[in-house]
Amino acid sequence: MFVSPEDFGKVRPKVVVDMRDPEEYRKAHIPGAVNLPVDAFLIAVDSTPFHMPEFDTLIERISALGIRQGESVLIYSSAKLPYYYLNVAALYMVLKHLGFKKVFVLNGGFEAWEDAGQPVSDRKGLRGRIRLRARADSSFIVPLDSLIARGDSGLKVRDGIHLIDVRVPGYYFGIMAPPFCKRMGHVPGARSLPFTFFMRRKKGRSGSYYVMADTTTIDSILNLNLDPVKLNVFYGNTPREAAFALLLLDYVGYPRKKYRLYLNGFAEWSRVDSLPIVKYRWE
């Protein structure tokens, strides 16, 4: 799933998607790559960014790539910051939602491509628009009402659910919050497993980031933090962070029946005053 520049030829993708800003794309990109920034297919909902639009709208926007579900696609963005990988993960999630099977990620992003001395182009990549036919795969998504139950002291997380918070520690501990979150902290009982924990910074000219792609190491970290009996539910501030968890879980082949993504995440949870929140505590 994670591809190095040297292994690009082995994947032979039908379409290469550059998710950087259009200005960066115009300067230089992988030859033939098409530009699809994250805001070209995701929308804001209740001022919270990075949500999937209505299904028909999503189909229309992804149809612009000119690729069908059985063909291979490789995604990349910049890797100057770990957060750029969340954009890649968001498109990965959307493609999986639409039934795509062969989705690859260029590890190290465009910076790794340049550092490897691979060719670049400033010519716009073109794809013929098609009309995708897809049935939404929502098997990995869980809504808020499936997570909560009423206890003796009010609303709580249902029994049998183990929550994993993939935000960075500042958000988890309630030290800071994005403007679209009404309150700060985390869901009671949620385990902290920041998405940045799976990233390393490269030595060299660019100093960019890459995903730690050793399946054995990732699997061991996940097994330390996931509950083997309960349903593991991942959340972030927005769907992007949860999408990164999907990327990793698919990479190590973790069974789909054992996890879900709470896409509305802490942004939604923080706006429901009757839902409890914990601050300044590690769980």
C-alpha atoms as a PDB file:
ATOM      1  CA  MET A   1       0.000   0.000   0.000  1.00  0.00           C
ATOM      2  CA  PHE A   2       2.829   2.435   0.865  1.00  0.00           C
ATOM      3  CA  VAL A   3       4.996   2.850  -2.214  1.00  0.00           C
ATOM      4  CA  SER A   4       8.500   4.307  -2.453  1.00  0.00           C
ATOM      5  CA  PRO A   5       9.568   6.322  -5.517  1.00  0.00           C
ATOM      6  CA  GLU A   6      11.782   3.429  -6.535  1.00  0.00           C
ATOM      7  CA  ASP A   7       8.829   1.013  -6.489  1.00  0.00           C
ATOM      8  CA  PHE A   8       6.528   3.283  -8.501  1.00  0.00           C
ATOM      9  CA  GLY A   9       7.060   1.242 -11.673  1.00  0.00           C
ATOM     10  CA  LYS A  10       5.973  -1.972  -9.940  1.00  0.00           C
ATOM     11  CA  VAL A  11       2.576  -0.490  -9.080  1.00  0.00           C
ATOM     12  CA  ARG A  12       1.908   0.858 -12.586  1.00  0.00           C
ATOM     13  CA  PRO A  13      -1.034   3.031 -11.478  1.00  0.00           C
ATOM     14  CA  LYS A  14      -3.741   3.868 -13.973  1.00  0.00           C
ATOM     15  CA  VAL A  15      -4.088   7.307 -12.365  1.00  0.00           C
ATOM     16  CA  VAL A  16      -1.754   9.329 -10.142  1.00  0.00           C
ATOM     17  CA  VAL A  17      -3.470  11.927  -7.945  1.00  0.00           C
ATOM     18  CA  ASP A  18      -1.585  14.983  -6.671  1.00  0.00           C
ATOM     19  CA  MET A  19      -3.415  16.416  -3.644  1.00  0.00           C
ATOM     20  CA  ARG A  20      -1.291  19.518  -3.139  1.00  0.00           C
ATOM     21  CA  ASP A  21      -2.477  23.076  -3.672  1.00  0.00           C
ATOM     22  CA  PRO A  22      -2.999  23.944  -7.353  1.00  0.00           C
ATOM     23  CA  GLU A  23      -0.133  26.444  -7.251  1.00  0.00           C
ATOM     24  CA  GLU A  24       2.332  23.789  -6.070  1.00  0.00           C
ATOM     25  CA  TYR A  25       0.966  21.357  -8.642  1.00  0.00           C
ATOM     26  CA  ARG A  26       1.474  23.853 -11.488  1.00  0.00           C
ATOM     27  CA  LYS A  27       5.130  24.321 -10.606  1.00  0.00           C
ATOM     28  CA  ALA A  28       6.032  20.625 -10.741  1.00  0.00           C
ATOM     29  CA  HIS A  29       4.394  17.249 -10.262  1.00  0.00           C
ATOM     30  CA  ILE A  30       4.781  13.606 -11.199  1.00  0.00           C
ATOM     31  CA  PRO A  31       4.354  13.390 -14.993  1.00  0.00           C
ATOM     32  CA  GLY A  32       0.736  12.691 -15.890  1.00  0.00           C
ATOM     33  CA  ALA A  33      -0.608  13.287 -12.376  1.00  0.00           C
ATOM     34  CA  VAL A  34      -3.995  14.973 -12.015  1.00  0.00           C
ATOM     35  CA  ASN A  35      -4.614  17.580  -9.327  1.00  0.00           C
ATOM     36  CA  LEU A  36      -7.334  16.956  -6.733  1.00  0.00           C
ATOM     37  CA  PRO A  37      -7.001  19.089  -3.564  1.00  0.00           C
ATOM     38  CA  VAL A  38      -8.939  17.892  -0.553  1.00  0.00           C
ATOM     39  CA  ASP A  39     -11.517  20.681  -0.790  1.00  0.00           C
ATOM     40  CA  ALA A  40     -12.371  19.552  -4.327  1.00  0.00           C
ATOM     41  CA  PHE A  41     -14.229  16.491  -3.022  1.00  0.00           C
ATOM     42  CA  LEU A  42     -14.886  17.118   0.700  1.00  0.00           C
ATOM     43  CA  ILE A  43     -17.149  19.756   2.256  1.00  0.00           C
ATOM     44  CA  ALA A  44     -17.729  21.552   5.554  1.00  0.00           C
ATOM     45  CA  VAL A  45     -20.718  20.464   7.652  1.00  0.00           C
ATOM     46  CA  ASP A  46     -21.829  22.729  10.517  1.00  0.00           C
ATOM     47  CA  SER A  47     -18.532  24.631  10.071  1.00  0.00           C
ATOM     48  CA  THR A  48     -16.533  21.397  10.521  1.00  0.00           C
ATOM     49  CA  PRO A  49     -14.352  20.687   7.459  1.00  0.00           C
ATOM     50  CA  PHE A  50     -13.442  17.496   5.604  1.00  0.00           C
ATOM     51  CA  HIS A  51     -16.788  15.694   5.494  1.00  0.00           C
ATOM     52  CA  MET A  52     -17.994  13.564   2.603  1.00  0.00           C
ATOM     53  CA  PRO A  53     -20.797  15.253   0.646  1.00  0.00           C
ATOM     54  CA  GLU A  54     -24.011  13.550  -0.428  1.00  0.00           C
ATOM     55  CA  PHE A  55     -23.322  10.314  -2.284  1.00  0.00           C
ATOM     56  CA  ASP A  56     -24.323  11.561  -5.738  1.00  0.00           C
ATOM     57  CA  THR A  57     -22.108  14.630  -5.315  1.00  0.00           C
ATOM     58  CA  LEU A  58     -19.214  12.459  -4.220  1.00  0.00           C
ATOM     59  CA  ILE A  59     -19.686  10.206  -7.244  1.00  0.00           C
ATOM     60  CA  GLU A  60     -19.650  13.260  -9.523  1.00  0.00           C
ATOM     61  CA  ARG A  61     -16.443  14.641  -8.037  1.00  0.00           C
ATOM     62  CA  ILE A  62     -14.517  11.375  -8.044  1.00  0.00           C
ATOM     63  CA  SER A  63     -15.730  10.594 -11.582  1.00  0.00           C
ATOM     64  CA  ALA A  64     -13.468  13.444 -12.714  1.00  0.00           C
ATOM     65  CA  LEU A  65     -10.469  11.166 -12.093  1.00  0.00           C
ATOM     66  CA  GLY A  66     -11.555   8.953 -14.972  1.00  0.00           C
ATOM     67  CA  ILE A  67     -10.845   5.714 -13.167  1.00  0.00           C
ATOM     68  CA  ARG A  68     -12.978   2.699 -12.329  1.00  0.00           C
ATOM     69  CA  GLN A  69     -12.999   0.627  -9.164  1.00  0.00           C
ATOM     70  CA  GLY A  70     -10.932  -2.233 -10.559  1.00  0.00           C
ATOM     71  CA  GLU A  71      -8.067  -0.007 -11.723  1.00  0.00           C
ATOM     72  CA  SER A  72      -5.109   1.099  -9.599  1.00  0.00           C
ATOM     73  CA  VAL A  73      -4.651   4.610  -8.267  1.00  0.00           C
ATOM     74  CA  LEU A  74      -1.691   6.167  -6.460  1.00  0.00           C
ATOM     75  CA  ILE A  75      -2.156   9.188  -4.184  1.00  0.00           C
ATOM     76  CA  TYR A  76       0.397  11.670  -2.933  1.00  0.00           C
ATOM     77  CA  SER A  77       0.661  15.089  -1.369  1.00  0.00           C
ATOM     78  CA  SER A  78       3.413  17.118   0.188  1.00  0.00           C
ATOM     79  CA  ALA A  79       5.107  15.479   3.151  1.00  0.00           C
ATOM     80  CA  LYS A  80       6.500  18.650   4.712  1.00  0.00           C
ATOM     81  CA  LEU A  81       4.032  18.288   7.592  1.00  0.00           C
ATOM     82  CA  PRO A  82       2.356  15.187   9.065  1.00  0.00           C
ATOM     83  CA  TYR A  83      -1.075  16.757   8.542  1.00  0.00           C
ATOM     84  CA  TYR A  84      -0.728  16.521   4.767  1.00  0.00           C
ATOM     85  CA  TYR A  85      -1.034  12.741   5.123  1.00  0.00           C
ATOM     86  CA  LEU A  86      -4.518  13.277   6.516  1.00  0.00           C
ATOM     87  CA  ASN A  87      -5.591  14.646   3.128  1.00  0.00           C
ATOM     88  CA  VAL A  88      -4.228  11.523   1.476  1.00  0.00           C
ATOM     89  CA  ALA A  89      -6.019   9.373   4.039  1.00  0.00           C
ATOM     90  CA  ALA A  90      -9.284  11.237   3.373  1.00  0.00           C
ATOM     91  CA  LEU A  91      -9.129  10.394  -0.339  1.00  0.00           C
ATOM     92  CA  TYR A  92      -8.181   6.811   0.503  1.00  0.00           C
ATOM     93  CA  MET A  93     -11.285   6.586   2.689  1.00  0.00           C
ATOM     94  CA  VAL A  94     -13.509   8.053  -0.024  1.00  0.00           C
ATOM     95  CA  LEU A  95     -12.194   5.613  -2.627  1.00  0.00           C
ATOM     96  CA  LYS A  96     -12.772   2.687  -0.267  1.00  0.00           C
ATOM     97  CA  HIS A  97     -16.254   4.027   0.441  1.00  0.00           C
ATOM     98  CA  LEU A  98     -16.868   3.878  -3.326  1.00  0.00           C
ATOM     99  CA  GLY A  99     -15.543   0.332  -3.696  1.00  0.00           C
ATOM    100  CA  PHE A 100     -12.016   0.909  -5.066  1.00  0.00           C
ATOM    101  CA  LYS A 101      -9.675  -2.016  -4.399  1.00  0.00           C
ATOM    102  CA  LYS A 102      -6.197  -0.959  -5.589  1.00  0.00           C
ATOM    103  CA  VAL A 103      -5.292   2.255  -3.763  1.00  0.00           C
ATOM    104  CA  PHE A 104      -1.640   3.108  -3.082  1.00  0.00           C
ATOM    105  CA  VAL A 105       0.107   5.951  -1.241  1.00  0.00           C
ATOM    106  CA  LEU A 106       3.468   7.469  -2.201  1.00  0.00           C
ATOM    107  CA  ASN A 107       5.346   7.357   1.088  1.00  0.00           C
ATOM    108  CA  GLY A 108       7.372  10.511   1.653  1.00  0.00           C
ATOM    109  CA  GLY A 109       5.180  12.496  -0.716  1.00  0.00           C
ATOM    110  CA  PHE A 110       6.378  14.659  -3.561  1.00  0.00           C
ATOM    111  CA  GLU A 111       9.539  15.547  -1.618  1.00  0.00           C
ATOM    112  CA  ALA A 112      10.614  11.889  -1.617  1.00  0.00           C
ATOM    113  CA  TRP A 113       9.982  11.776  -5.357  1.00  0.00           C
ATOM    114  CA  GLU A 114      12.241  14.776  -5.937  1.00  0.00           C
ATOM    115  CA  ASP A 115      14.910  13.535  -3.518  1.00  0.00           C
ATOM    116  CA  ALA A 116      15.056  10.272  -5.482  1.00  0.00           C
ATOM    117  CA  GLY A 117      15.814  12.211  -8.673  1.00  0.00           C
ATOM    118  CA  GLN A 118      12.635  11.076 -10.402  1.00  0.00           C
ATOM    119  CA  PRO A 119      11.282  13.088 -13.368  1.00  0.00           C
ATOM    120  CA  VAL A 120       8.797  15.929 -12.845  1.00  0.00           C
ATOM    121  CA  SER A 121       6.572  17.914 -15.182  1.00  0.00           C
ATOM    122  CA  ASP A 122       4.683  21.205 -15.256  1.00  0.00           C
ATOM    123  CA  ARG A 123       2.222  19.979 -17.898  1.00  0.00           C
ATOM    124  CA  LYS A 124      -1.304  19.438 -16.654  1.00  0.00           C
ATOM    125  CA  GLY A 125      -2.373  15.825 -16.443  1.00  0.00           C
ATOM    126  CA  LEU A 126      -5.651  15.114 -18.216  1.00  0.00           C
ATOM    127  CA  ARG A 127      -8.208  12.393 -17.586  1.00  0.00           C
ATOM    128  CA  GLY A 128     -11.456  11.700 -19.376  1.00  0.00           C
ATOM    129  CA  ARG A 129     -14.478  12.031 -17.102  1.00  0.00           C
ATOM    130  CA  ILE A 130     -16.483   8.864 -16.569  1.00  0.00           C
ATOM    131  CA  ARG A 131     -19.659   8.166 -14.633  1.00  0.00           C
ATOM    132  CA  LEU A 132     -18.850   5.877 -11.739  1.00  0.00           C
ATOM    133  CA  ARG A 133     -21.361   3.292 -10.711  1.00  0.00           C
ATOM    134  CA  ALA A 134     -20.957   2.478  -7.063  1.00  0.00           C
ATOM    135  CA  ARG A 135     -22.802   1.276  -4.025  1.00  0.00           C
ATOM    136  CA  ALA A 136     -21.630   2.979  -0.855  1.00  0.00           C
ATOM    137  CA  ASP A 137     -19.561   0.808   1.493  1.00  0.00           C
ATOM    138  CA  SER A 138     -20.353   2.259   4.915  1.00  0.00           C
ATOM    139  CA  SER A 139     -19.457  -0.872   6.863  1.00  0.00           C
ATOM    140  CA  PHE A 140     -16.586   0.899   8.620  1.00  0.00           C
ATOM    141  CA  ILE A 141     -18.588   4.006   9.693  1.00  0.00           C
ATOM    142  CA  VAL A 142     -20.546   4.420  12.921  1.00  0.00           C
ATOM    143  CA  PRO A 143     -22.900   7.314  13.869  1.00  0.00           C
ATOM    144  CA  LEU A 144     -23.113   8.992  17.265  1.00  0.00           C
ATOM    145  CA  ASP A 145     -26.388   7.362  18.317  1.00  0.00           C
ATOM    146  CA  SER A 146     -24.753   3.932  18.007  1.00  0.00           C
ATOM    147  CA  LEU A 147     -22.037   4.950  20.461  1.00  0.00           C
ATOM    148  CA  ILE A 148     -24.051   6.289  23.381  1.00  0.00           C
ATOM    149  CA  ALA A 149     -26.423   4.848  25.948  1.00  0.00           C
ATOM    150  CA  ARG A 150     -28.169   6.233  29.017  1.00  0.00           C
ATOM    151  CA  GLY A 151     -26.689   5.272  32.355  1.00  0.00           C
ATOM    152  CA  ASP A 152     -27.621   6.066  35.944  1.00  0.00           C
ATOM    153  CA  SER A 153     -25.783   9.396  35.819  1.00  0.00           C
ATOM    154  CA  GLY A 154     -26.680  10.373  32.249  1.00  0.00           C
ATOM    155  CA  LEU A 155     -25.375   9.600  28.776  1.00  0.00           C
ATOM    156  CA  LYS A 156     -22.288   7.428  28.429  1.00  0.00           C
ATOM    157  CA  VAL A 157     -20.388   5.327  25.884  1.00  0.00           C
ATOM    158  CA  ARG A 158     -22.142   2.023  25.263  1.00  0.00           C
ATOM    159  CA  ASP A 159     -20.768  -1.133  26.812  1.00  0.00           C
ATOM    160  CA  GLY A 160     -18.709  -3.172  24.365  1.00  0.00           C
ATOM    161  CA  ILE A 161     -17.128  -0.135  22.683  1.00  0.00           C
ATOM    162  CA  HIS A 162     -13.474   0.840  23.014  1.00  0.00           C
ATOM    163  CA  LEU A 163     -12.677   4.357  21.801  1.00  0.00           C
ATOM    164  CA  ILE A 164      -9.316   5.415  20.336  1.00  0.00           C
ATOM    165  CA  ASP A 165      -8.559   9.118  19.999  1.00  0.00           C
ATOM    166  CA  VAL A 166      -6.079   9.663  17.154  1.00  0.00           C
ATOM    167  CA  ARG A 167      -5.621  13.421  17.659  1.00  0.00           C
ATOM    168  CA  VAL A 168      -2.352  14.937  18.846  1.00  0.00           C
ATOM    169  CA  PRO A 169      -1.942  15.142  22.676  1.00  0.00           C
ATOM    170  CA  GLY A 170      -2.770  18.848  22.944  1.00  0.00           C
ATOM    171  CA  TYR A 171      -6.291  18.151  21.728  1.00  0.00           C
ATOM    172  CA  TYR A 172      -6.673  14.956  23.752  1.00  0.00           C
ATOM    173  CA  PHE A 173      -5.716  16.591  27.057  1.00  0.00           C
ATOM    174  CA  GLY A 174      -7.903  19.623  26.427  1.00  0.00           C
ATOM    175  CA  ILE A 175      -5.070  22.138  26.194  1.00  0.00           C
ATOM    176  CA  MET A 176      -6.324  23.414  22.849  1.00  0.00           C
ATOM    177  CA  ALA A 177      -9.189  22.922  20.407  1.00  0.00           C
ATOM    178  CA  PRO A 178     -10.010  23.963  16.848  1.00  0.00           C
ATOM    179  CA  PRO A 179     -12.662  26.685  16.499  1.00  0.00           C
ATOM    180  CA  PHE A 180     -15.371  24.262  15.414  1.00  0.00           C
ATOM    181  CA  CYS A 181     -15.176  22.316  18.711  1.00  0.00           C
ATOM    182  CA  LYS A 182     -17.390  23.756  21.431  1.00  0.00           C
ATOM    183  CA  ARG A 183     -15.476  22.178  24.319  1.00  0.00           C
ATOM    184  CA  MET A 184     -11.960  20.843  24.919  1.00  0.00           C
ATOM    185  CA  GLY A 185     -10.805  17.401  26.067  1.00  0.00           C
ATOM    186  CA  HIS A 186     -11.661  13.854  25.047  1.00  0.00           C
ATOM    187  CA  VAL A 187     -14.429  11.279  25.313  1.00  0.00           C
ATOM    188  CA  PRO A 188     -14.311   9.485  28.701  1.00  0.00           C
ATOM    189  CA  GLY A 189     -12.414   6.220  28.488  1.00  0.00           C
ATOM    190  CA  ALA A 190     -10.850   6.962  25.090  1.00  0.00           C
ATOM    191  CA  ARG A 191      -7.304   5.730  24.597  1.00  0.00           C
ATOM    192  CA  SER A 192      -4.844   8.245  23.133  1.00  0.00           C
ATOM    193  CA  LEU A 193      -3.042   7.018  19.997  1.00  0.00           C
ATOM    194  CA  PRO A 194      -1.923  10.088  17.999  1.00  0.00           C
ATOM    195  CA  PHE A 195      -1.658   9.575  14.240  1.00  0.00           C
ATOM    196  CA  THR A 196       1.735  11.300  14.357  1.00  0.00           C
ATOM    197  CA  PHE A 197       3.054   8.375  16.399  1.00  0.00           C
ATOM    198  CA  PHE A 198       3.274   6.390  13.162  1.00  0.00           C
ATOM    199  CA  MET A 199       5.421   8.967  11.355  1.00  0.00           C
ATOM    200  CA  ARG A 200       9.120   9.603  11.158  1.00  0.00           C
ATOM    201  CA  ARG A 201      11.092  12.519   9.782  1.00  0.00           C
ATOM    202  CA  LYS A 202      13.533  11.877   6.966  1.00  0.00           C
ATOM    203  CA  LYS A 203      17.119  12.957   7.066  1.00  0.00           C
ATOM    204  CA  GLY A 204      18.350  14.916   4.091  1.00  0.00           C
ATOM    205  CA  ARG A 205      17.534  17.972   2.048  1.00  0.00           C
ATOM    206  CA  SER A 206      13.779  18.070   2.416  1.00  0.00           C
ATOM    207  CA  GLY A 207      13.429  16.869   6.012  1.00  0.00           C
ATOM    208  CA  SER A 208       9.930  15.675   5.135  1.00  0.00           C
ATOM    209  CA  TYR A 209       7.880  12.996   6.863  1.00  0.00           C
ATOM    210  CA  TYR A 210       7.042   9.428   5.950  1.00  0.00           C
ATOM    211  CA  VAL A 211       4.777   6.783   7.424  1.00  0.00           C
ATOM    212  CA  MET A 212       6.481   4.045   9.385  1.00  0.00           C
ATOM    213  CA  ALA A 213       5.631   1.255   6.959  1.00  0.00           C
ATOM    214  CA  ASP A 214       6.854  -1.782   8.897  1.00  0.00           C
ATOM    215  CA  THR A 215       3.707  -3.888   9.255  1.00  0.00           C
ATOM    216  CA  THR A 216       5.088  -5.846  12.228  1.00  0.00           C
ATOM    217  CA  THR A 217       5.788  -2.682  14.221  1.00  0.00           C
ATOM    218  CA  ILE A 218       2.450  -1.066  13.323  1.00  0.00           C
ATOM    219  CA  ASP A 219       0.604  -4.267  14.202  1.00  0.00           C
ATOM    220  CA  SER A 220       2.316  -4.507  17.595  1.00  0.00           C
ATOM    221  CA  ILE A 221       1.460  -0.876  18.418  1.00  0.00           C
ATOM    222  CA  LEU A 222      -2.155  -1.376  17.424  1.00  0.00           C
ATOM    223  CA  ASN A 223      -2.454  -4.569  19.453  1.00  0.00           C
ATOM    224  CA  LEU A 224      -1.240  -2.730  22.548  1.00  0.00           C
ATOM    225  CA  ASN A 225      -3.956  -0.114  22.155  1.00  0.00           C
ATOM    226  CA  LEU A 226      -6.912  -2.005  20.680  1.00  0.00           C
ATOM    227  CA  ASP A 227      -9.295  -4.183  22.621  1.00  0.00           C
ATOM    228  CA  PRO A 228      -9.466  -7.738  21.193  1.00  0.00           C
ATOM    229  CA  VAL A 229     -13.003  -8.271  22.506  1.00  0.00           C
ATOM    230  CA  LYS A 230     -14.772  -4.917  22.156  1.00  0.00           C
ATOM    231  CA  LEU A 231     -15.589  -2.957  18.997  1.00  0.00           C
ATOM    232  CA  ASN A 232     -12.749  -0.466  18.502  1.00  0.00           C
ATOM    233  CA  VAL A 233     -13.957   2.957  17.366  1.00  0.00           C
ATOM    234  CA  PHE A 234     -11.503   5.595  16.103  1.00  0.00           C
ATOM    235  CA  TYR A 235     -12.205   9.323  16.109  1.00  0.00           C
ATOM    236  CA  GLY A 236     -10.464  12.671  15.606  1.00  0.00           C
ATOM    237  CA  ASN A 237     -11.582  16.259  15.369  1.00  0.00           C
ATOM    238  CA  THR A 238     -12.685  15.720  11.763  1.00  0.00           C
ATOM    239  CA  PRO A 239     -13.078  12.685   9.471  1.00  0.00           C
ATOM    240  CA  ARG A 240      -9.490  13.085   8.227  1.00  0.00           C
ATOM    241  CA  GLU A 241      -7.867  11.742  11.394  1.00  0.00           C
ATOM    242  CA  ALA A 242     -10.195   8.765  11.537  1.00  0.00           C
ATOM    243  CA  ALA A 243      -9.428   8.131   7.860  1.00  0.00           C
ATOM    244  CA  PHE A 244      -5.736   7.811   8.713  1.00  0.00           C
ATOM    245  CA  ALA A 245      -6.649   5.016  11.125  1.00  0.00           C
ATOM    246  CA  LEU A 246      -8.500   3.268   8.284  1.00  0.00           C
ATOM    247  CA  LEU A 247      -5.382   3.530   6.130  1.00  0.00           C
ATOM    248  CA  LEU A 248      -3.220   1.879   8.784  1.00  0.00           C
ATOM    249  CA  LEU A 249      -5.763  -0.790   9.700  1.00  0.00           C
ATOM    250  CA  ASP A 250      -6.204  -1.816   6.086  1.00  0.00           C
ATOM    251  CA  TYR A 251      -2.437  -1.837   5.652  1.00  0.00           C
ATOM    252  CA  VAL A 252      -1.913  -4.420   8.400  1.00  0.00           C
ATOM    253  CA  GLY A 253      -5.072  -6.322   7.458  1.00  0.00           C
ATOM    254  CA  TYR A 254      -6.940  -5.734  10.704  1.00  0.00           C
ATOM    255  CA  PRO A 255     -10.412  -7.355  10.438  1.00  0.00           C
ATOM    256  CA  ARG A 256     -13.100  -4.835   9.465  1.00  0.00           C
ATOM    257  CA  LYS A 257     -15.610  -6.404  11.826  1.00  0.00           C
ATOM    258  CA  LYS A 258     -13.463  -5.359  14.795  1.00  0.00           C
ATOM    259  CA  TYR A 259     -13.387  -1.602  14.216  1.00  0.00           C
ATOM    260  CA  ARG A 260     -15.381   1.413  13.069  1.00  0.00           C
ATOM    261  CA  LEU A 261     -14.722   5.091  12.356  1.00  0.00           C
ATOM    262  CA  TYR A 262     -16.701   7.781  14.144  1.00  0.00           C
ATOM    263  CA  LEU A 263     -16.349  10.343  11.367  1.00  0.00           C
ATOM    264  CA  ASN A 264     -18.173  13.252  13.003  1.00  0.00           C
ATOM    265  CA  GLY A 265     -15.706  12.875  15.819  1.00  0.00           C
ATOM    266  CA  PHE A 266     -14.996  15.162  18.708  1.00  0.00           C
ATOM    267  CA  ALA A 267     -16.390  18.177  16.869  1.00  0.00           C
ATOM    268  CA  GLU A 268     -19.875  16.662  17.073  1.00  0.00           C
ATOM    269  CA  TRP A 269     -19.390  15.165  20.539  1.00  0.00           C
ATOM    270  CA  SER A 270     -18.257  18.513  22.000  1.00  0.00           C
ATOM    271  CA  ARG A 271     -21.427  20.250  20.815  1.00  0.00           C
ATOM    272  CA  VAL A 272     -23.805  17.955  22.675  1.00  0.00           C
ATOM    273  CA  ASP A 273     -23.863  19.476  26.165  1.00  0.00           C
ATOM    274  CA  SER A 274     -25.273  16.324  27.759  1.00  0.00           C
ATOM    275  CA  LEU A 275     -22.291  14.219  26.661  1.00  0.00           C
ATOM    276  CA  PRO A 276     -19.427  13.973  29.177  1.00  0.00           C
ATOM    277  CA  ILE A 277     -15.882  15.160  28.420  1.00  0.00           C
ATOM    278  CA  VAL A 278     -12.611  14.572  30.279  1.00  0.00           C
ATOM    279  CA  LYS A 279      -9.636  16.974  30.421  1.00  0.00           C
ATOM    280  CA  TYR A 280      -6.041  16.743  31.655  1.00  0.00           C
ATOM    281  CA  ARG A 281      -6.151  12.974  32.164  1.00  0.00           C
ATOM    282  CA  TRP A 282      -4.450  10.082  30.421  1.00  0.00           C
ATOM    283  CA  GLU A 283      -6.618   6.978  29.996  1.00  0.00           C
END
